[in-house]
């Protein structure tokens, strides 16, 4: 028999820590860009680059998560097929 894989779920504390860390780093970067001794167009460029980096980071994390979940589903389907074949196989059956 196969054991169903346990779903791992992040704790509330871990989720809060991740959200707080993201918020602090995001705000610190915006404040840092605002106080740089640069022209407004240079600050705008840095701000746009930062927003693109954050957006692409979320997208990359989602793609990696989706790919991992997809491989888990395919693995479970293959495992179920193998279990079905093994359950249907009778070594003492005469053709």
C-alpha atoms as a PDB file:
ATOM      1  CA  UNK A   1       0.000   0.000   0.000  1.00  0.00           C
ATOM      2  CA  UNK A   2       1.137   3.484  -0.607  1.00  0.00           C
ATOM      3  CA  UNK A   3       1.154   6.227   1.949  1.00  0.00           C
ATOM      4  CA  UNK A   4      -0.355   9.469   0.726  1.00  0.00           C
ATOM      5  CA  UNK A   5       2.188  12.227   0.959  1.00  0.00           C
ATOM      6  CA  UNK A   6       1.423  14.663   3.736  1.00  0.00           C
ATOM      7  CA  UNK A   7       0.648  18.184   2.624  1.00  0.00           C
ATOM      8  CA  UNK A   8       3.130  20.598   4.094  1.00  0.00           C
ATOM      9  CA  UNK A   9       1.597  23.840   5.191  1.00  0.00           C
ATOM     10  CA  UNK A  10       3.454  26.917   6.363  1.00  0.00           C
ATOM     11  CA  UNK A  11       2.734  28.089   9.867  1.00  0.00           C
ATOM     12  CA  UNK A  12       1.142  31.452  10.530  1.00  0.00           C
ATOM     13  CA  UNK A  13       4.345  32.661  12.193  1.00  0.00           C
ATOM     14  CA  UNK A  14       6.416  31.791   9.123  1.00  0.00           C
ATOM     15  CA  UNK A  15       3.930  33.527   6.830  1.00  0.00           C
ATOM     16  CA  UNK A  16       3.947  36.617   9.061  1.00  0.00           C
ATOM     17  CA  UNK A  17       7.758  36.662   9.213  1.00  0.00           C
ATOM     18  CA  UNK A  18       8.009  36.414   5.418  1.00  0.00           C
ATOM     19  CA  UNK A  19       5.439  39.173   4.871  1.00  0.00           C
ATOM     20  CA  UNK A  20       7.081  41.486   7.428  1.00  0.00           C
ATOM     21  CA  UNK A  21      10.550  40.897   5.965  1.00  0.00           C
ATOM     22  CA  UNK A  22       9.267  41.613   2.461  1.00  0.00           C
ATOM     23  CA  UNK A  23       7.482  44.775   3.597  1.00  0.00           C
ATOM     24  CA  UNK A  24      10.487  46.132   5.480  1.00  0.00           C
ATOM     25  CA  UNK A  25      12.916  45.454   2.635  1.00  0.00           C
ATOM     26  CA  UNK A  26      10.533  46.927   0.048  1.00  0.00           C
ATOM     27  CA  UNK A  27       9.985  50.108   2.096  1.00  0.00           C
ATOM     28  CA  UNK A  28      13.690  50.439   2.881  1.00  0.00           C
ATOM     29  CA  UNK A  29      14.553  50.221  -0.797  1.00  0.00           C
ATOM     30  CA  UNK A  30      11.959  52.854  -1.727  1.00  0.00           C
ATOM     31  CA  UNK A  31      13.238  55.185   1.013  1.00  0.00           C
ATOM     32  CA  UNK A  32      16.812  54.566  -0.123  1.00  0.00           C
ATOM     33  CA  UNK A  33      15.965  55.440  -3.709  1.00  0.00           C
ATOM     34  CA  UNK A  34      14.080  58.561  -2.597  1.00  0.00           C
ATOM     35  CA  UNK A  35      17.062  59.885  -0.612  1.00  0.00           C
ATOM     36  CA  UNK A  36      19.746  59.167  -3.212  1.00  0.00           C
ATOM     37  CA  UNK A  37      21.385  62.339  -4.529  1.00  0.00           C
ATOM     38  CA  UNK A  38      20.206  61.725  -8.103  1.00  0.00           C
ATOM     39  CA  UNK A  39      18.037  63.412 -10.697  1.00  0.00           C
ATOM     40  CA  UNK A  40      14.365  62.483 -10.808  1.00  0.00           C
ATOM     41  CA  UNK A  41      14.735  60.417 -13.995  1.00  0.00           C
ATOM     42  CA  UNK A  42      17.548  58.381 -12.414  1.00  0.00           C
ATOM     43  CA  UNK A  43      15.395  57.701  -9.355  1.00  0.00           C
ATOM     44  CA  UNK A  44      12.530  56.761 -11.664  1.00  0.00           C
ATOM     45  CA  UNK A  45      14.757  54.290 -13.484  1.00  0.00           C
ATOM     46  CA  UNK A  46      15.827  52.665 -10.209  1.00  0.00           C
ATOM     47  CA  UNK A  47      12.210  52.542  -9.028  1.00  0.00           C
ATOM     48  CA  UNK A  48      11.057  50.888 -12.262  1.00  0.00           C
ATOM     49  CA  UNK A  49      13.930  48.384 -12.089  1.00  0.00           C
ATOM     50  CA  UNK A  50      13.007  47.559  -8.485  1.00  0.00           C
ATOM     51  CA  UNK A  51       9.337  47.046  -9.348  1.00  0.00           C
ATOM     52  CA  UNK A  52      10.254  44.837 -12.308  1.00  0.00           C
ATOM     53  CA  UNK A  53      12.580  42.790 -10.089  1.00  0.00           C
ATOM     54  CA  UNK A  54       9.875  42.266  -7.459  1.00  0.00           C
ATOM     55  CA  UNK A  55       7.303  41.339 -10.113  1.00  0.00           C
ATOM     56  CA  UNK A  56       9.621  38.886 -11.853  1.00  0.00           C
ATOM     57  CA  UNK A  57      10.570  37.342  -8.493  1.00  0.00           C
ATOM     58  CA  UNK A  58       6.911  36.602  -7.732  1.00  0.00           C
ATOM     59  CA  UNK A  59       6.438  35.177 -11.217  1.00  0.00           C
ATOM     60  CA  UNK A  60       9.504  32.959 -10.915  1.00  0.00           C
ATOM     61  CA  UNK A  61       8.380  31.674  -7.518  1.00  0.00           C
ATOM     62  CA  UNK A  62       4.932  30.853  -8.928  1.00  0.00           C
ATOM     63  CA  UNK A  63       6.371  29.042 -11.957  1.00  0.00           C
ATOM     64  CA  UNK A  64       8.710  26.960  -9.782  1.00  0.00           C
ATOM     65  CA  UNK A  65       5.848  26.104  -7.409  1.00  0.00           C
ATOM     66  CA  UNK A  66       3.539  25.147 -10.287  1.00  0.00           C
ATOM     67  CA  UNK A  67       6.232  22.995 -11.879  1.00  0.00           C
ATOM     68  CA  UNK A  68       6.876  21.216  -8.576  1.00  0.00           C
ATOM     69  CA  UNK A  69       3.163  20.585  -7.996  1.00  0.00           C
ATOM     70  CA  UNK A  70       2.779  19.310 -11.553  1.00  0.00           C
ATOM     71  CA  UNK A  71       5.610  16.829 -11.127  1.00  0.00           C
ATOM     72  CA  UNK A  72       4.044  15.581  -7.888  1.00  0.00           C
ATOM     73  CA  UNK A  73       0.725  14.912  -9.670  1.00  0.00           C
ATOM     74  CA  UNK A  74       2.450  13.059 -12.531  1.00  0.00           C
ATOM     75  CA  UNK A  75       4.398  10.981 -10.017  1.00  0.00           C
ATOM     76  CA  UNK A  76       1.209  10.051  -8.167  1.00  0.00           C
ATOM     77  CA  UNK A  77      -0.535   9.077 -11.426  1.00  0.00           C
ATOM     78  CA  UNK A  78       2.398   6.863 -12.452  1.00  0.00           C
ATOM     79  CA  UNK A  79       2.461   5.297  -8.988  1.00  0.00           C
ATOM     80  CA  UNK A  80      -1.288   4.584  -9.131  1.00  0.00           C
ATOM     81  CA  UNK A  81      -0.916   2.936 -12.561  1.00  0.00           C
ATOM     82  CA  UNK A  82       1.881   0.723 -11.257  1.00  0.00           C
ATOM     83  CA  UNK A  83      -0.168  -0.281  -8.208  1.00  0.00           C
ATOM     84  CA  UNK A  84      -3.121  -1.127 -10.464  1.00  0.00           C
ATOM     85  CA  UNK A  85      -0.921  -3.301 -12.700  1.00  0.00           C
ATOM     86  CA  UNK A  86       0.547  -5.064  -9.688  1.00  0.00           C
ATOM     87  CA  UNK A  87      -2.911  -5.661  -8.164  1.00  0.00           C
ATOM     88  CA  UNK A  88      -4.249  -7.087 -11.446  1.00  0.00           C
ATOM     89  CA  UNK A  89      -1.246  -9.335 -12.042  1.00  0.00           C
ATOM     90  CA  UNK A  90      -1.779 -12.945 -11.045  1.00  0.00           C
ATOM     91  CA  UNK A  91       1.437 -14.969 -11.330  1.00  0.00           C
ATOM     92  CA  UNK A  92      -0.446 -18.280 -11.060  1.00  0.00           C
ATOM     93  CA  UNK A  93      -2.889 -17.564 -13.891  1.00  0.00           C
ATOM     94  CA  UNK A  94      -2.557 -19.903 -16.871  1.00  0.00           C
ATOM     95  CA  UNK A  95      -3.060 -18.293 -20.286  1.00  0.00           C
END
